[in-house]
Amino acid sequence: MCKYAVVDLEMCRVPRKIRSEGVRLGNETIQIGAVLLNESLEVVDKFVTYVAPQYGYIDSFINSLTGISRRDVANAPVMQDALKAFVEWLPVDTKVVSWSNNDAAQIKHEISAKGIIIDELNEILREWIDCQKTFSEKMNNSKCYKLSEALIAADIIYEDGAHDGLVDAYNTALLFAKMEREEELVLNPYYKRAIVNDDAECGFSFGSLFAGIDLLEFVMV
């Protein structure tokens, strides 16, 4: 039985002109990626789909950032159909996790703006878990960490490909599973040293410790 589904959305902007005409959306989803974790916190399945935007479009910036093109979404399902497929893929009693609450907020905005009704989504959104918040609590810090920094801090060998929905979901799942297993999060020793030195020395920063060092090389040792 699966316990958690870790999800990540990729989005494009809705043009200001369209928003001025009454569309209450700043962004639209163009990809949903997710992985399932079983009771042993192992990745056992995946879900990914492109989503056709109804108001926004993929400009050169979004294409460069995500690798998603207009051709990719041309024949993709609209958000209602993509969300329905996602919900049908989820096993019963599976809680959904994402890095920050932005993805949950985006789904809420889109279902409201587009009149999407999927009954199962109400409970999913109500029990949504914010992995970024959990990480900050583990770190005893109110800082909103980037996923990339959190993965390095937690000494996780992660999959390259940020801003791909499935890759980001997989990497978030690795971090979430580690936090569930470890009551006190075991950190990368180089990262721990940076924190200690940053507290002890005025003007010393995390970035200065790692200047000229390939962080991923140390994470993967």
Protein backbone atom coordinates (compact mmCIF):
# COMPACT_ATOMS: atom_id res chain seq x y z
CA MET A 1 0.00 0.00 0.00
CA CYS A 2 1.31 3.47 -0.86
CA LYS A 3 1.46 6.19 1.74
CA TYR A 4 2.56 9.29 -0.14
CA ALA A 5 2.54 10.78 -3.64
CA VAL A 6 5.11 13.50 -4.19
CA VAL A 7 4.08 15.92 -6.92
CA ASP A 8 5.60 18.84 -8.82
CA LEU A 9 3.98 21.23 -11.29
CA GLU A 10 5.62 23.23 -14.05
CA MET A 11 3.85 26.39 -15.16
CA CYS A 12 3.74 29.17 -17.73
CA ARG A 13 2.58 32.75 -17.34
CA VAL A 14 -0.86 34.04 -18.31
CA PRO A 15 -0.38 37.29 -20.27
CA ARG A 16 -1.35 40.50 -18.50
CA LYS A 17 -3.79 41.42 -21.26
CA ILE A 18 -5.77 38.22 -20.69
CA ARG A 19 -5.71 38.74 -16.93
CA SER A 20 -7.06 42.26 -17.45
CA GLU A 21 -10.01 40.72 -19.29
CA GLY A 22 -11.11 38.90 -16.14
CA VAL A 23 -9.10 35.67 -16.10
CA ARG A 24 -8.06 35.32 -12.47
CA LEU A 25 -4.88 33.34 -13.09
CA GLY A 26 -1.26 34.45 -13.00
CA ASN A 27 0.07 31.07 -14.10
CA GLU A 28 -1.15 27.90 -15.77
CA THR A 29 0.06 24.35 -15.30
CA ILE A 30 1.88 22.82 -18.28
CA GLN A 31 3.21 19.65 -16.64
CA ILE A 32 2.32 17.41 -13.70
CA GLY A 33 4.96 14.99 -12.42
CA ALA A 34 4.58 12.68 -9.44
CA VAL A 35 6.04 9.59 -7.80
CA LEU A 36 4.51 7.15 -5.33
CA LEU A 37 6.19 6.11 -2.08
CA ASN A 38 5.17 2.84 -0.46
CA GLU A 39 5.07 2.16 3.28
CA SER A 40 8.82 1.57 3.23
CA LEU A 41 9.23 5.03 1.64
CA GLU A 42 10.50 3.53 -1.61
CA VAL A 43 9.57 4.96 -5.02
CA VAL A 44 7.30 2.37 -6.65
CA ASP A 45 5.46 4.21 -9.44
CA LYS A 46 5.42 7.45 -11.40
CA PHE A 47 2.94 9.72 -13.16
CA VAL A 48 3.70 12.43 -15.69
CA THR A 49 1.66 14.37 -18.20
CA TYR A 50 1.93 17.60 -20.10
CA VAL A 51 -1.03 19.96 -19.73
CA ALA A 52 -2.38 22.23 -22.45
CA PRO A 53 -2.74 25.82 -21.17
CA GLN A 54 -6.03 27.53 -22.02
CA TYR A 55 -4.94 31.14 -21.49
CA GLY A 56 -1.15 31.23 -21.15
CA TYR A 57 1.58 30.22 -23.57
CA ILE A 58 5.11 28.89 -23.41
CA ASP A 59 7.55 31.70 -24.19
CA SER A 60 11.30 31.38 -24.74
CA PHE A 61 12.06 31.82 -21.03
CA ILE A 62 9.75 28.98 -19.93
CA ASN A 63 10.98 26.80 -22.78
CA SER A 64 14.59 27.37 -21.71
CA LEU A 65 13.79 26.87 -18.02
CA THR A 66 11.71 23.70 -18.30
CA GLY A 67 12.59 22.26 -21.69
CA ILE A 68 8.84 22.15 -22.44
CA SER A 69 7.83 23.45 -25.86
CA ARG A 70 4.53 24.52 -27.37
CA ARG A 71 4.65 21.37 -29.47
CA ASP A 72 4.80 19.24 -26.29
CA VAL A 73 1.52 20.66 -24.98
CA ALA A 74 -0.28 21.04 -28.33
CA ASN A 75 -2.18 17.76 -27.99
CA ALA A 76 -1.94 17.41 -24.22
CA PRO A 77 -5.02 17.16 -21.98
CA VAL A 78 -6.46 20.33 -20.47
CA MET A 79 -6.13 20.80 -16.71
CA GLN A 80 -9.43 19.16 -15.81
CA ASP A 81 -8.57 15.97 -17.69
CA ALA A 82 -4.97 15.95 -16.43
CA LEU A 83 -6.10 16.36 -12.81
CA LYS A 84 -8.71 13.66 -13.24
CA ALA A 85 -6.05 11.27 -14.56
CA PHE A 86 -3.78 12.18 -11.64
CA VAL A 87 -6.51 11.56 -9.06
CA GLU A 88 -7.42 8.23 -10.68
CA TRP A 89 -3.75 7.20 -10.53
CA LEU A 90 -3.54 7.88 -6.77
CA PRO A 91 -4.15 4.87 -4.51
CA VAL A 92 -6.82 5.29 -1.83
CA ASP A 93 -5.70 7.06 1.38
CA THR A 94 -2.50 8.40 -0.17
CA LYS A 95 -1.37 11.81 1.07
CA VAL A 96 0.12 14.24 -1.43
CA VAL A 97 3.42 16.03 -0.80
CA SER A 98 5.16 18.86 -2.65
CA TRP A 99 8.08 21.23 -2.17
CA SER A 100 6.31 24.30 -0.69
CA ASN A 101 2.56 24.90 -0.83
CA ASN A 102 2.78 26.67 -4.20
CA ASP A 103 1.60 23.63 -6.15
CA ALA A 104 -1.45 23.14 -3.94
CA ALA A 105 -2.24 26.86 -4.26
CA GLN A 106 -1.87 26.65 -8.05
CA ILE A 107 -4.33 23.76 -8.27
CA LYS A 108 -6.80 25.66 -6.09
CA HIS A 109 -6.51 28.74 -8.30
CA GLU A 110 -6.94 26.77 -11.51
CA ILE A 111 -9.93 24.71 -10.41
CA SER A 112 -11.61 27.90 -9.20
CA ALA A 113 -10.84 29.94 -12.33
CA LYS A 114 -11.77 27.11 -14.71
CA GLY A 115 -14.77 25.74 -12.84
CA ILE A 116 -13.16 22.33 -12.41
CA ILE A 117 -15.03 19.96 -10.11
CA ILE A 118 -13.30 16.78 -8.98
CA ASP A 119 -14.71 15.71 -5.62
CA GLU A 120 -11.64 13.73 -4.53
CA LEU A 121 -9.46 16.83 -4.84
CA ASN A 122 -11.03 18.49 -1.81
CA GLU A 123 -9.64 15.95 0.65
CA ILE A 124 -6.31 15.76 -1.20
CA LEU A 125 -5.85 19.52 -0.95
CA ARG A 126 -6.99 19.56 2.67
CA GLU A 127 -4.31 17.06 3.71
CA TRP A 128 -1.53 18.33 1.41
CA ILE A 129 1.95 18.18 3.01
CA ASP A 130 4.44 21.03 2.55
CA CYS A 131 7.87 19.37 2.38
CA GLN A 132 9.68 22.73 2.39
CA LYS A 133 8.06 23.63 5.71
CA THR A 134 8.98 20.23 7.15
CA PHE A 135 12.60 20.73 6.09
CA SER A 136 12.75 24.19 7.70
CA GLU A 137 11.39 22.68 10.92
CA LYS A 138 14.03 19.95 10.81
CA MET A 139 16.66 22.66 10.38
CA ASN A 140 15.18 24.75 13.24
CA ASN A 141 15.10 27.67 10.84
CA SER A 142 12.27 29.76 9.39
CA LYS A 143 14.19 30.19 6.12
CA CYS A 144 12.42 29.07 2.91
CA TYR A 145 15.07 26.79 1.45
CA LYS A 146 15.38 26.08 -2.26
CA LEU A 147 15.03 22.41 -3.11
CA SER A 148 18.54 22.34 -4.59
CA GLU A 149 20.08 23.65 -1.35
CA ALA A 150 18.00 21.30 0.79
CA LEU A 151 19.16 18.27 -1.23
CA ILE A 152 22.80 19.26 -0.82
CA ALA A 153 22.31 20.01 2.88
CA ALA A 154 20.69 16.62 3.46
CA ASP A 155 23.56 14.84 1.65
CA ILE A 156 21.29 13.33 -1.00
CA ILE A 157 22.51 12.03 -4.34
CA TYR A 158 19.86 13.57 -6.53
CA GLU A 159 18.82 13.33 -10.16
CA ASP A 160 19.82 16.26 -12.35
CA GLY A 161 17.14 18.12 -14.29
CA ALA A 162 15.59 20.90 -12.20
CA HIS A 163 12.30 22.31 -13.52
CA ASP A 164 11.22 19.00 -14.97
CA GLY A 165 8.08 17.97 -13.08
CA LEU A 166 8.96 14.28 -12.75
CA VAL A 167 12.61 14.90 -11.83
CA ASP A 168 11.71 17.50 -9.19
CA ALA A 169 9.03 15.21 -7.77
CA TYR A 170 11.55 12.34 -7.56
CA ASN A 171 14.18 14.50 -5.85
CA THR A 172 11.63 15.88 -3.41
CA ALA A 173 10.55 12.31 -2.65
CA LEU A 174 14.13 11.35 -1.79
CA LEU A 175 14.36 14.24 0.66
CA PHE A 176 10.91 13.63 2.14
CA ALA A 177 11.70 9.93 2.68
CA LYS A 178 14.97 10.80 4.42
CA MET A 179 13.18 13.23 6.74
CA GLU A 180 10.55 10.60 7.58
CA ARG A 181 13.26 8.06 8.44
CA GLU A 182 15.54 10.33 10.46
CA GLU A 183 14.23 11.97 13.61
CA GLU A 184 17.30 14.22 13.57
CA LEU A 185 18.24 14.97 9.99
CA VAL A 186 21.79 13.89 9.11
CA LEU A 187 23.40 16.71 7.15
CA ASN A 188 26.23 16.92 4.65
CA PRO A 189 29.36 17.58 6.79
CA TYR A 190 30.52 20.38 4.48
CA TYR A 191 27.15 22.05 4.85
CA LYS A 192 27.27 21.68 8.64
CA ARG A 193 30.70 23.28 8.66
CA ALA A 194 29.37 26.20 6.63
CA ILE A 195 26.55 26.76 9.12
CA VAL A 196 28.95 26.72 12.09
CA ASN A 197 31.39 29.10 10.43
CA ASP A 198 28.60 31.38 9.24
CA ASP A 199 27.42 31.74 12.84
CA ALA A 200 30.93 32.19 14.21
CA GLU A 201 32.51 34.58 11.72
CA CYS A 202 31.11 37.92 10.61
CA GLY A 203 31.05 38.14 6.84
CA PHE A 204 31.54 34.42 6.29
CA SER A 205 28.85 32.79 4.20
CA PHE A 206 27.77 29.39 2.90
CA GLY A 207 28.76 30.47 -0.58
CA SER A 208 32.28 31.46 0.47
CA LEU A 209 32.94 28.06 2.01
CA PHE A 210 32.10 26.30 -1.25
CA ALA A 211 33.79 28.79 -3.57
CA GLY A 212 35.50 26.80 -6.31
CA ILE A 213 34.19 23.45 -5.02
CA ASP A 214 31.91 21.12 -6.98
CA LEU A 215 29.19 20.55 -4.39
CA LEU A 216 27.65 17.62 -6.21
CA GLU A 217 31.01 15.82 -6.13
CA PHE A 218 30.99 15.92 -2.34
CA VAL A 219 27.33 14.92 -2.14
CA MET A 220 28.01 11.87 -4.29
CA VAL A 221 31.13 10.64 -2.45
